[in-house]
Amino acid sequence: MTHIIDATNRPLGRLASEVAALLNAKNSVDFVKNRVADISVKVINASKVKVTGNKMNDSVHKHYTGYPGGLREKSLAYVVKNKGFSEIIKHAVNGMLPKNKLQSIRMKNLVIEE
């Protein structure tokens, strides 16, 4: 089953929480927490997502390389300029999914179109 979500004028956090709930299949009648449901989510118009206030400059996108001293911090505006809005939506949804072996499998069911 494929869910299509339009990101036009939707706040980033609310969009990400809705996508994470769909990827977890929490609204499905056959929900089982130890299995990945056969659900894919497609987000369209990702470049029209609403980021309010001064978050583009103040919010920080963190990435750890795995090496000592390897914490890399970039502003949201820098990430959007180089990788697009799809990267910040992926990062937000990934943070809202459960941290277990199924997290990466669920993220593969997410398709984002600018």
PDB file of N, CA and C in Angstrom:
ATOM      1  N   MET A   1       0.841  -1.170   0.000  1.00  0.00           N
ATOM      2  CA  MET A   1       0.000   0.000   0.000  1.00  0.00           C
ATOM      3  C   MET A   1       0.890   1.238   0.000  1.00  0.00           C
ATOM      4  N   THR A   2       0.558   2.203  -0.833  1.00  0.00           N
ATOM      5  CA  THR A   2       1.344   3.420  -0.952  1.00  0.00           C
ATOM      6  C   THR A   2       0.528   4.613  -0.478  1.00  0.00           C
ATOM      7  N   HIS A   3       1.126   5.396   0.419  1.00  0.00           N
ATOM      8  CA  HIS A   3       0.513   6.633   0.885  1.00  0.00           C
ATOM      9  C   HIS A   3       1.236   7.789   0.215  1.00  0.00           C
ATOM     10  N   ILE A   4       0.489   8.740  -0.312  1.00  0.00           N
ATOM     11  CA  ILE A   4       1.072   9.920  -0.935  1.00  0.00           C
ATOM     12  C   ILE A   4       0.722  11.123  -0.070  1.00  0.00           C
ATOM     13  N   ILE A   5       1.768  11.866   0.344  1.00  0.00           N
ATOM     14  CA  ILE A   5       1.576  13.025   1.204  1.00  0.00           C
ATOM     15  C   ILE A   5       2.123  14.249   0.491  1.00  0.00           C
ATOM     16  N   ASP A   6       1.317  15.301   0.431  1.00  0.00           N
ATOM     17  CA  ASP A   6       1.741  16.556  -0.175  1.00  0.00           C
ATOM     18  C   ASP A   6       2.318  17.439   0.921  1.00  0.00           C
ATOM     19  N   ALA A   7       3.561  17.880   0.743  1.00  0.00           N
ATOM     20  CA  ALA A   7       4.261  18.648   1.765  1.00  0.00           C
ATOM     21  C   ALA A   7       4.096  20.153   1.593  1.00  0.00           C
ATOM     22  N   THR A   8       3.234  20.592   0.703  1.00  0.00           N
ATOM     23  CA  THR A   8       3.067  22.011   0.453  1.00  0.00           C
ATOM     24  C   THR A   8       2.509  22.707   1.687  1.00  0.00           C
ATOM     25  N   ASN A   9       3.249  23.712   2.181  1.00  0.00           N
ATOM     26  CA  ASN A   9       2.878  24.532   3.342  1.00  0.00           C
ATOM     27  C   ASN A   9       2.594  23.709   4.593  1.00  0.00           C
ATOM     28  N   ARG A  10       3.291  22.595   4.771  1.00  0.00           N
ATOM     29  CA  ARG A  10       3.159  21.780   5.980  1.00  0.00           C
ATOM     30  C   ARG A  10       4.415  21.985   6.816  1.00  0.00           C
ATOM     31  N   PRO A  11       4.288  22.192   8.123  1.00  0.00           N
ATOM     32  CA  PRO A  11       5.483  22.321   8.973  1.00  0.00           C
ATOM     33  C   PRO A  11       6.303  21.034   8.956  1.00  0.00           C
ATOM     34  N   LEU A  12       7.615  21.190   9.017  1.00  0.00           N
ATOM     35  CA  LEU A  12       8.533  20.058   8.885  1.00  0.00           C
ATOM     36  C   LEU A  12       8.292  18.991   9.941  1.00  0.00           C
ATOM     37  N   GLY A  13       8.142  19.374  11.198  1.00  0.00           N
ATOM     38  CA  GLY A  13       7.975  18.409  12.273  1.00  0.00           C
ATOM     39  C   GLY A  13       6.676  17.639  12.190  1.00  0.00           C
ATOM     40  N   ARG A  14       5.608  18.324  11.838  1.00  0.00           N
ATOM     41  CA  ARG A  14       4.311  17.651  11.745  1.00  0.00           C
ATOM     42  C   ARG A  14       4.266  16.700  10.559  1.00  0.00           C
ATOM     43  N   LEU A  15       4.906  17.105   9.488  1.00  0.00           N
ATOM     44  CA  LEU A  15       5.016  16.225   8.318  1.00  0.00           C
ATOM     45  C   LEU A  15       5.816  14.979   8.672  1.00  0.00           C
ATOM     46  N   ALA A  16       6.943  15.168   9.355  1.00  0.00           N
ATOM     47  CA  ALA A  16       7.811  14.040   9.704  1.00  0.00           C
ATOM     48  C   ALA A  16       7.130  13.085  10.675  1.00  0.00           C
ATOM     49  N   SER A  17       6.366  13.614  11.624  1.00  0.00           N
ATOM     50  CA  SER A  17       5.690  12.721  12.571  1.00  0.00           C
ATOM     51  C   SER A  17       4.587  11.907  11.897  1.00  0.00           C
ATOM     52  N   GLU A  18       3.902  12.509  10.920  1.00  0.00           N
ATOM     53  CA  GLU A  18       2.878  11.769  10.185  1.00  0.00           C
ATOM     54  C   GLU A  18       3.505  10.662   9.339  1.00  0.00           C
ATOM     55  N   VAL A  19       4.632  10.976   8.682  1.00  0.00           N
ATOM     56  CA  VAL A  19       5.320   9.980   7.860  1.00  0.00           C
ATOM     57  C   VAL A  19       5.857   8.848   8.731  1.00  0.00           C
ATOM     58  N   ALA A  20       6.411   9.188   9.896  1.00  0.00           N
ATOM     59  CA  ALA A  20       6.949   8.154  10.788  1.00  0.00           C
ATOM     60  C   ALA A  20       5.847   7.231  11.299  1.00  0.00           C
ATOM     61  N   ALA A  21       4.682   7.781  11.600  1.00  0.00           N
ATOM     62  CA  ALA A  21       3.573   6.942  12.061  1.00  0.00           C
ATOM     63  C   ALA A  21       3.102   6.006  10.950  1.00  0.00           C
ATOM     64  N   LEU A  22       3.098   6.500   9.715  1.00  0.00           N
ATOM     65  CA  LEU A  22       2.697   5.636   8.604  1.00  0.00           C
ATOM     66  C   LEU A  22       3.732   4.540   8.349  1.00  0.00           C
ATOM     67  N   LEU A  23       5.032   4.881   8.433  1.00  0.00           N
ATOM     68  CA  LEU A  23       6.076   3.874   8.218  1.00  0.00           C
ATOM     69  C   LEU A  23       6.067   2.812   9.311  1.00  0.00           C
ATOM     70  N   ASN A  24       5.701   3.202  10.528  1.00  0.00           N
ATOM     71  CA  ASN A  24       5.589   2.232  11.615  1.00  0.00           C
ATOM     72  C   ASN A  24       4.350   1.368  11.481  1.00  0.00           C
ATOM     73  N   ALA A  25       3.403   1.789  10.640  1.00  0.00           N
ATOM     74  CA  ALA A  25       2.117   1.105  10.427  1.00  0.00           C
ATOM     75  C   ALA A  25       1.302   1.076  11.702  1.00  0.00           C
ATOM     76  N   LYS A  26       1.376   2.152  12.486  1.00  0.00           N
ATOM     77  CA  LYS A  26       0.625   2.228  13.735  1.00  0.00           C
ATOM     78  C   LYS A  26      -0.876   2.309  13.480  1.00  0.00           C
ATOM     79  N   ASN A  27      -1.272   2.825  12.326  1.00  0.00           N
ATOM     80  CA  ASN A  27      -2.692   2.947  12.029  1.00  0.00           C
ATOM     81  C   ASN A  27      -3.246   1.716  11.319  1.00  0.00           C
ATOM     82  N   SER A  28      -2.425   0.705  11.134  1.00  0.00           N
ATOM     83  CA  SER A  28      -2.851  -0.499  10.423  1.00  0.00           C
ATOM     84  C   SER A  28      -3.517  -1.482  11.391  1.00  0.00           C
ATOM     85  N   VAL A  29      -4.495  -2.218  10.907  1.00  0.00           N
ATOM     86  CA  VAL A  29      -5.188  -3.165  11.775  1.00  0.00           C
ATOM     87  C   VAL A  29      -4.337  -4.391  12.073  1.00  0.00           C
ATOM     88  N   ASP A  30      -3.387  -4.699  11.201  1.00  0.00           N
ATOM     89  CA  ASP A  30      -2.515  -5.851  11.430  1.00  0.00           C
ATOM     90  C   ASP A  30      -1.131  -5.400  11.893  1.00  0.00           C
ATOM     91  N   PHE A  31      -1.077  -4.420  12.801  1.00  0.00           N
ATOM     92  CA  PHE A  31       0.183  -3.891  13.313  1.00  0.00           C
ATOM     93  C   PHE A  31       0.891  -4.904  14.198  1.00  0.00           C
ATOM     94  N   VAL A  32       2.151  -5.163  13.891  1.00  0.00           N
ATOM     95  CA  VAL A  32       3.023  -5.988  14.721  1.00  0.00           C
ATOM     96  C   VAL A  32       4.325  -5.219  14.873  1.00  0.00           C
ATOM     97  N   LYS A  33       4.769  -5.004  16.111  1.00  0.00           N
ATOM     98  CA  LYS A  33       5.899  -4.104  16.317  1.00  0.00           C
ATOM     99  C   LYS A  33       7.241  -4.697  15.892  1.00  0.00           C
ATOM    100  N   ASN A  34       7.327  -5.998  15.684  1.00  0.00           N
ATOM    101  CA  ASN A  34       8.602  -6.599  15.306  1.00  0.00           C
ATOM    102  C   ASN A  34       8.682  -6.941  13.820  1.00  0.00           C
ATOM    103  N   ARG A  35       7.761  -6.409  13.002  1.00  0.00           N
ATOM    104  CA  ARG A  35       7.799  -6.642  11.559  1.00  0.00           C
ATOM    105  C   ARG A  35       7.614  -5.330  10.825  1.00  0.00           C
ATOM    106  N   VAL A  36       8.198  -5.259   9.647  1.00  0.00           N
ATOM    107  CA  VAL A  36       8.005  -4.097   8.787  1.00  0.00           C
ATOM    108  C   VAL A  36       6.802  -4.358   7.909  1.00  0.00           C
ATOM    109  N   ALA A  37       5.843  -3.451   7.957  1.00  0.00           N
ATOM    110  CA  ALA A  37       4.630  -3.611   7.161  1.00  0.00           C
ATOM    111  C   ALA A  37       4.932  -3.319   5.694  1.00  0.00           C
ATOM    112  N   ASP A  38       4.070  -3.804   4.839  1.00  0.00           N
ATOM    113  CA  ASP A  38       4.219  -3.593   3.398  1.00  0.00           C
ATOM    114  C   ASP A  38       3.578  -2.249   3.027  1.00  0.00           C
ATOM    115  N   ILE A  39       4.139  -1.176   3.588  1.00  0.00           N
ATOM    116  CA  ILE A  39       3.621   0.167   3.374  1.00  0.00           C
ATOM    117  C   ILE A  39       4.763   1.052   2.899  1.00  0.00           C
ATOM    118  N   SER A  40       4.527   1.788   1.830  1.00  0.00           N
ATOM    119  CA  SER A  40       5.512   2.771   1.384  1.00  0.00           C
ATOM    120  C   SER A  40       4.870   4.148   1.417  1.00  0.00           C
ATOM    121  N   VAL A  41       5.681   5.151   1.699  1.00  0.00           N
ATOM    122  CA  VAL A  41       5.200   6.519   1.810  1.00  0.00           C
ATOM    123  C   VAL A  41       5.948   7.363   0.788  1.00  0.00           C
ATOM    124  N   LYS A  42       5.195   8.128   0.007  1.00  0.00           N
ATOM    125  CA  LYS A  42       5.772   9.010  -1.000  1.00  0.00           C
ATOM    126  C   LYS A  42       5.421  10.446  -0.630  1.00  0.00           C
ATOM    127  N   VAL A  43       6.445  11.273  -0.438  1.00  0.00           N
ATOM    128  CA  VAL A  43       6.259  12.685  -0.115  1.00  0.00           C
ATOM    129  C   VAL A  43       6.529  13.486  -1.379  1.00  0.00           C
ATOM    130  N   ILE A  44       5.527  14.260  -1.801  1.00  0.00           N
ATOM    131  CA  ILE A  44       5.704  15.082  -2.999  1.00  0.00           C
ATOM    132  C   ILE A  44       5.780  16.550  -2.586  1.00  0.00           C
ATOM    133  N   ASN A  45       6.351  17.375  -3.459  1.00  0.00           N
ATOM    134  CA  ASN A  45       6.545  18.812  -3.225  1.00  0.00           C
ATOM    135  C   ASN A  45       7.350  19.072  -1.957  1.00  0.00           C
ATOM    136  N   ALA A  46       8.448  18.356  -1.785  1.00  0.00           N
ATOM    137  CA  ALA A  46       9.265  18.502  -0.584  1.00  0.00           C
ATOM    138  C   ALA A  46       9.912  19.871  -0.491  1.00  0.00           C
ATOM    139  N   SER A  47      10.152  20.521  -1.603  1.00  0.00           N
ATOM    140  CA  SER A  47      10.793  21.830  -1.567  1.00  0.00           C
ATOM    141  C   SER A  47       9.846  22.918  -1.088  1.00  0.00           C
ATOM    142  N   LYS A  48       8.555  22.615  -0.942  1.00  0.00           N
ATOM    143  CA  LYS A  48       7.580  23.600  -0.485  1.00  0.00           C
ATOM    144  C   LYS A  48       7.220  23.417   0.986  1.00  0.00           C
ATOM    145  N   VAL A  49       8.009  22.621   1.713  1.00  0.00           N
ATOM    146  CA  VAL A  49       7.754  22.406   3.135  1.00  0.00           C
ATOM    147  C   VAL A  49       7.998  23.717   3.880  1.00  0.00           C
ATOM    148  N   LYS A  50       7.225  23.947   4.945  1.00  0.00           N
ATOM    149  CA  LYS A  50       7.306  25.209   5.670  1.00  0.00           C
ATOM    150  C   LYS A  50       8.269  25.062   6.842  1.00  0.00           C
ATOM    151  N   VAL A  51       9.289  25.928   6.870  1.00  0.00           N
ATOM    152  CA  VAL A  51      10.216  26.003   7.992  1.00  0.00           C
ATOM    153  C   VAL A  51      10.037  27.393   8.580  1.00  0.00           C
ATOM    154  N   THR A  52       9.449  27.479   9.767  1.00  0.00           N
ATOM    155  CA  THR A  52       9.058  28.759  10.336  1.00  0.00           C
ATOM    156  C   THR A  52      10.189  29.406  11.108  1.00  0.00           C
ATOM    157  N   GLY A  53      10.030  30.692  11.339  1.00  0.00           N
ATOM    158  CA  GLY A  53      10.972  31.444  12.160  1.00  0.00           C
ATOM    159  C   GLY A  53      12.345  31.542  11.522  1.00  0.00           C
ATOM    160  N   ASN A  54      13.371  31.518  12.338  1.00  0.00           N
ATOM    161  CA  ASN A  54      14.752  31.643  11.880  1.00  0.00           C
ATOM    162  C   ASN A  54      15.458  30.290  11.922  1.00  0.00           C
ATOM    163  N   LYS A  55      14.680  29.206  11.766  1.00  0.00           N
ATOM    164  CA  LYS A  55      15.237  27.865  11.896  1.00  0.00           C
ATOM    165  C   LYS A  55      16.239  27.516  10.804  1.00  0.00           C
ATOM    166  N   MET A  56      16.109  28.129   9.636  1.00  0.00           N
ATOM    167  CA  MET A  56      17.049  27.832   8.546  1.00  0.00           C
ATOM    168  C   MET A  56      18.478  28.181   8.927  1.00  0.00           C
ATOM    169  N   ASN A  57      18.651  29.188   9.775  1.00  0.00           N
ATOM    170  CA  ASN A  57      19.997  29.587  10.185  1.00  0.00           C
ATOM    171  C   ASN A  57      20.367  29.059  11.566  1.00  0.00           C
ATOM    172  N   ASP A  58      19.390  28.934  12.459  1.00  0.00           N
ATOM    173  CA  ASP A  58      19.688  28.556  13.843  1.00  0.00           C
ATOM    174  C   ASP A  58      19.704  27.045  14.067  1.00  0.00           C
ATOM    175  N   SER A  59      18.856  26.304  13.350  1.00  0.00           N
ATOM    176  CA  SER A  59      18.763  24.866  13.545  1.00  0.00           C
ATOM    177  C   SER A  59      20.025  24.177  13.009  1.00  0.00           C
ATOM    178  N   VAL A  60      20.446  23.141  13.694  1.00  0.00           N
ATOM    179  CA  VAL A  60      21.718  22.486  13.371  1.00  0.00           C
ATOM    180  C   VAL A  60      21.454  21.049  12.942  1.00  0.00           C
ATOM    181  N   HIS A  61      22.047  20.656  11.832  1.00  0.00           N
ATOM    182  CA  HIS A  61      21.986  19.290  11.293  1.00  0.00           C
ATOM    183  C   HIS A  61      23.271  18.601  11.733  1.00  0.00           C
ATOM    184  N   LYS A  62      23.170  17.610  12.627  1.00  0.00           N
ATOM    185  CA  LYS A  62      24.354  16.954  13.177  1.00  0.00           C
ATOM    186  C   LYS A  62      24.592  15.611  12.511  1.00  0.00           C
ATOM    187  N   HIS A  63      25.863  15.299  12.306  1.00  0.00           N
ATOM    188  CA  HIS A  63      26.264  14.028  11.711  1.00  0.00           C
ATOM    189  C   HIS A  63      27.550  13.591  12.390  1.00  0.00           C
ATOM    190  N   TYR A  64      27.597  12.358  12.869  1.00  0.00           N
ATOM    191  CA  TYR A  64      28.793  11.848  13.524  1.00  0.00           C
ATOM    192  C   TYR A  64      29.482  10.865  12.604  1.00  0.00           C
ATOM    193  N   THR A  65      30.774  11.062  12.337  1.00  0.00           N
ATOM    194  CA  THR A  65      31.506  10.236  11.390  1.00  0.00           C
ATOM    195  C   THR A  65      31.915   8.890  11.962  1.00  0.00           C
ATOM    196  N   GLY A  66      31.980   8.773  13.278  1.00  0.00           N
ATOM    197  CA  GLY A  66      32.399   7.531  13.904  1.00  0.00           C
ATOM    198  C   GLY A  66      33.804   7.610  14.465  1.00  0.00           C
ATOM    199  N   TYR A  67      34.500   8.673  14.165  1.00  0.00           N
ATOM    200  CA  TYR A  67      35.858   8.871  14.656  1.00  0.00           C
ATOM    201  C   TYR A  67      35.851   9.856  15.816  1.00  0.00           C
ATOM    202  N   PRO A  68      36.883   9.801  16.684  1.00  0.00           N
ATOM    203  CA  PRO A  68      36.963  10.780  17.784  1.00  0.00           C
ATOM    204  C   PRO A  68      37.023  12.209  17.231  1.00  0.00           C
ATOM    205  N   GLY A  69      36.183  13.063  17.790  1.00  0.00           N
ATOM    206  CA  GLY A  69      36.115  14.443  17.316  1.00  0.00           C
ATOM    207  C   GLY A  69      35.408  14.572  15.981  1.00  0.00           C
ATOM    208  N   GLY A  70      34.627  13.587  15.602  1.00  0.00           N
ATOM    209  CA  GLY A  70      34.018  13.558  14.281  1.00  0.00           C
ATOM    210  C   GLY A  70      32.587  14.061  14.220  1.00  0.00           C
ATOM    211  N   LEU A  71      32.167  14.899  15.175  1.00  0.00           N
ATOM    212  CA  LEU A  71      30.822  15.447  15.133  1.00  0.00           C
ATOM    213  C   LEU A  71      30.805  16.631  14.184  1.00  0.00           C
ATOM    214  N   ARG A  72      30.036  16.528  13.131  1.00  0.00           N
ATOM    215  CA  ARG A  72      29.943  17.597  12.136  1.00  0.00           C
ATOM    216  C   ARG A  72      28.596  18.285  12.292  1.00  0.00           C
ATOM    217  N   GLU A  73      28.621  19.595  12.400  1.00  0.00           N
ATOM    218  CA  GLU A  73      27.402  20.382  12.551  1.00  0.00           C
ATOM    219  C   GLU A  73      27.291  21.370  11.404  1.00  0.00           C
ATOM    220  N   LYS A  74      26.135  21.364  10.764  1.00  0.00           N
ATOM    221  CA  LYS A  74      25.881  22.275   9.651  1.00  0.00           C
ATOM    222  C   LYS A  74      24.518  22.906   9.851  1.00  0.00           C
ATOM    223  N   SER A  75      24.363  24.146   9.394  1.00  0.00           N
ATOM    224  CA  SER A  75      23.069  24.803   9.517  1.00  0.00           C
ATOM    225  C   SER A  75      22.095  24.188   8.522  1.00  0.00           C
ATOM    226  N   LEU A  76      20.817  24.384   8.791  1.00  0.00           N
ATOM    227  CA  LEU A  76      19.780  23.830   7.924  1.00  0.00           C
ATOM    228  C   LEU A  76      19.844  24.450   6.537  1.00  0.00           C
ATOM    229  N   ALA A  77      20.185  25.724   6.457  1.00  0.00           N
ATOM    230  CA  ALA A  77      20.285  26.397   5.159  1.00  0.00           C
ATOM    231  C   ALA A  77      21.405  25.793   4.314  1.00  0.00           C
ATOM    232  N   TYR A  78      22.516  25.431   4.952  1.00  0.00           N
ATOM    233  CA  TYR A  78      23.646  24.831   4.237  1.00  0.00           C
ATOM    234  C   TYR A  78      23.257  23.458   3.674  1.00  0.00           C
ATOM    235  N   VAL A  79      22.555  22.667   4.474  1.00  0.00           N
ATOM    236  CA  VAL A  79      22.147  21.327   4.035  1.00  0.00           C
ATOM    237  C   VAL A  79      21.145  21.426   2.893  1.00  0.00           C
ATOM    238  N   VAL A  80      20.209  22.361   2.987  1.00  0.00           N
ATOM    239  CA  VAL A  80      19.207  22.531   1.929  1.00  0.00           C
ATOM    240  C   VAL A  80      19.867  22.990   0.640  1.00  0.00           C
ATOM    241  N   LYS A  81      20.853  23.882   0.760  1.00  0.00           N
ATOM    242  CA  LYS A  81      21.528  24.384  -0.436  1.00  0.00           C
ATOM    243  C   LYS A  81      22.301  23.277  -1.140  1.00  0.00           C
ATOM    244  N   ASN A  82      22.935  22.395  -0.394  1.00  0.00           N
ATOM    245  CA  ASN A  82      23.783  21.364  -0.993  1.00  0.00           C
ATOM    246  C   ASN A  82      23.045  20.068  -1.318  1.00  0.00           C
ATOM    247  N   LYS A  83      22.105  19.651  -0.477  1.00  0.00           N
ATOM    248  CA  LYS A  83      21.458  18.354  -0.670  1.00  0.00           C
ATOM    249  C   LYS A  83      19.963  18.440  -0.900  1.00  0.00           C
ATOM    250  N   GLY A  84      19.351  19.586  -0.666  1.00  0.00           N
ATOM    251  CA  GLY A  84      17.925  19.749  -0.911  1.00  0.00           C
ATOM    252  C   GLY A  84      17.081  19.475   0.324  1.00  0.00           C
ATOM    253  N   PHE A  85      15.799  19.781   0.195  1.00  0.00           N
ATOM    254  CA  PHE A  85      14.866  19.595   1.305  1.00  0.00           C
ATOM    255  C   PHE A  85      14.644  18.129   1.625  1.00  0.00           C
ATOM    256  N   SER A  86      14.886  17.245   0.672  1.00  0.00           N
ATOM    257  CA  SER A  86      14.660  15.824   0.940  1.00  0.00           C
ATOM    258  C   SER A  86      15.576  15.311   2.043  1.00  0.00           C
ATOM    259  N   GLU A  87      16.767  15.869   2.148  1.00  0.00           N
ATOM    260  CA  GLU A  87      17.710  15.430   3.186  1.00  0.00           C
ATOM    261  C   GLU A  87      17.207  15.794   4.579  1.00  0.00           C
ATOM    262  N   ILE A  88      16.641  16.990   4.753  1.00  0.00           N
ATOM    263  CA  ILE A  88      16.183  17.353   6.097  1.00  0.00           C
ATOM    264  C   ILE A  88      14.906  16.596   6.460  1.00  0.00           C
ATOM    265  N   ILE A  89      14.088  16.254   5.468  1.00  0.00           N
ATOM    266  CA  ILE A  89      12.900  15.446   5.765  1.00  0.00           C
ATOM    267  C   ILE A  89      13.320  14.032   6.165  1.00  0.00           C
ATOM    268  N   LYS A  90      14.296  13.463   5.454  1.00  0.00           N
ATOM    269  CA  LYS A  90      14.803  12.137   5.819  1.00  0.00           C
ATOM    270  C   LYS A  90      15.392  12.139   7.223  1.00  0.00           C
ATOM    271  N   HIS A  91      16.135  13.174   7.552  1.00  0.00           N
ATOM    272  CA  HIS A  91      16.769  13.271   8.860  1.00  0.00           C
ATOM    273  C   HIS A  91      15.721  13.381   9.965  1.00  0.00           C
ATOM    274  N   ALA A  92      14.660  14.152   9.714  1.00  0.00           N
ATOM    275  CA  ALA A  92      13.605  14.321  10.710  1.00  0.00           C
ATOM    276  C   ALA A  92      12.821  13.025  10.908  1.00  0.00           C
ATOM    277  N   VAL A  93      12.498  12.345   9.824  1.00  0.00           N
ATOM    278  CA  VAL A  93      11.739  11.087   9.926  1.00  0.00           C
ATOM    279  C   VAL A  93      12.593  10.014  10.594  1.00  0.00           C
ATOM    280  N   ASN A  94      13.866   9.953  10.244  1.00  0.00           N
ATOM    281  CA  ASN A  94      14.765   8.958  10.832  1.00  0.00           C
ATOM    282  C   ASN A  94      14.877   9.149  12.343  1.00  0.00           C
ATOM    283  N   GLY A  95      14.839  10.387  12.798  1.00  0.00           N
ATOM    284  CA  GLY A  95      14.897  10.653  14.231  1.00  0.00           C
ATOM    285  C   GLY A  95      13.635  10.254  14.965  1.00  0.00           C
ATOM    286  N   MET A  96      12.521  10.135  14.250  1.00  0.00           N
ATOM    287  CA  MET A  96      11.247   9.792  14.888  1.00  0.00           C
ATOM    288  C   MET A  96      10.918   8.308  14.836  1.00  0.00           C
ATOM    289  N   LEU A  97      11.708   7.528  14.106  1.00  0.00           N
ATOM    290  CA  LEU A  97      11.482   6.082  14.060  1.00  0.00           C
ATOM    291  C   LEU A  97      12.172   5.409  15.243  1.00  0.00           C
ATOM    292  N   PRO A  98      11.695   4.242  15.664  1.00  0.00           N
ATOM    293  CA  PRO A  98      12.347   3.517  16.756  1.00  0.00           C
ATOM    294  C   PRO A  98      13.780   3.129  16.387  1.00  0.00           C
ATOM    295  N   LYS A  99      14.658   3.204  17.355  1.00  0.00           N
ATOM    296  CA  LYS A  99      16.078   2.906  17.119  1.00  0.00           C
ATOM    297  C   LYS A  99      16.317   1.409  17.290  1.00  0.00           C
ATOM    298  N   ASN A 100      16.066   0.645  16.222  1.00  0.00           N
ATOM    299  CA  ASN A 100      16.285  -0.798  16.250  1.00  0.00           C
ATOM    300  C   ASN A 100      16.698  -1.270  14.861  1.00  0.00           C
ATOM    301  N   LYS A 101      16.766  -2.565  14.667  1.00  0.00           N
ATOM    302  CA  LYS A 101      17.232  -3.120  13.395  1.00  0.00           C
ATOM    303  C   LYS A 101      16.274  -2.849  12.244  1.00  0.00           C
ATOM    304  N   LEU A 102      15.047  -2.510  12.542  1.00  0.00           N
ATOM    305  CA  LEU A 102      14.054  -2.272  11.495  1.00  0.00           C
ATOM    306  C   LEU A 102      14.058  -0.828  11.004  1.00  0.00           C
ATOM    307  N   GLN A 103      14.808   0.053  11.662  1.00  0.00           N
ATOM    308  CA  GLN A 103      14.801   1.470  11.302  1.00  0.00           C
ATOM    309  C   GLN A 103      15.273   1.699   9.868  1.00  0.00           C
ATOM    310  N   SER A 104      16.373   1.097   9.483  1.00  0.00           N
ATOM    311  CA  SER A 104      16.892   1.303   8.135  1.00  0.00           C
ATOM    312  C   SER A 104      15.993   0.649   7.083  1.00  0.00           C
ATOM    313  N   ILE A 105      15.352  -0.455   7.428  1.00  0.00           N
ATOM    314  CA  ILE A 105      14.445  -1.110   6.485  1.00  0.00           C
ATOM    315  C   ILE A 105      13.208  -0.247   6.259  1.00  0.00           C
ATOM    316  N   ARG A 106      12.705   0.368   7.338  1.00  0.00           N
ATOM    317  CA  ARG A 106      11.553   1.257   7.196  1.00  0.00           C
ATOM    318  C   ARG A 106      11.904   2.504   6.401  1.00  0.00           C
ATOM    319  N   MET A 107      13.124   3.003   6.554  1.00  0.00           N
ATOM    320  CA  MET A 107      13.532   4.205   5.821  1.00  0.00           C
ATOM    321  C   MET A 107      13.622   3.935   4.319  1.00  0.00           C
ATOM    322  N   LYS A 108      13.857   2.684   3.929  1.00  0.00           N
ATOM    323  CA  LYS A 108      13.896   2.356   2.508  1.00  0.00           C
ATOM    324  C   LYS A 108      12.518   2.433   1.871  1.00  0.00           C
ATOM    325  N   ASN A 109      11.451   2.420   2.693  1.00  0.00           N
ATOM    326  CA  ASN A 109      10.098   2.535   2.176  1.00  0.00           C
ATOM    327  C   ASN A 109       9.656   3.979   2.018  1.00  0.00           C
ATOM    328  N   LEU A 110      10.565   4.930   2.239  1.00  0.00           N
ATOM    329  CA  LEU A 110      10.252   6.344   2.117  1.00  0.00           C
ATOM    330  C   LEU A 110      10.824   6.888   0.820  1.00  0.00           C
ATOM    331  N   VAL A 111       9.975   7.498   0.006  1.00  0.00           N
ATOM    332  CA  VAL A 111      10.398   8.101  -1.265  1.00  0.00           C
ATOM    333  C   VAL A 111      10.041   9.577  -1.195  1.00  0.00           C
ATOM    334  N   ILE A 112      11.017  10.443  -1.476  1.00  0.00           N
ATOM    335  CA  ILE A 112      10.797  11.885  -1.391  1.00  0.00           C
ATOM    336  C   ILE A 112      11.100  12.512  -2.746  1.00  0.00           C
ATOM    337  N   GLU A 113      10.148  13.297  -3.236  1.00  0.00           N
ATOM    338  CA  GLU A 113      10.325  14.010  -4.494  1.00  0.00           C
ATOM    339  C   GLU A 113      10.326  15.507  -4.227  1.00  0.00           C
ATOM    340  N   GLU A 114      11.295  16.188  -4.806  1.00  0.00           N
ATOM    341  CA  GLU A 114      11.377  17.644  -4.649  1.00  0.00           C
ATOM    342  C   GLU A 114      10.252  18.233  -5.389  1.00  0.00           C
TER     343      GLU A 114
END
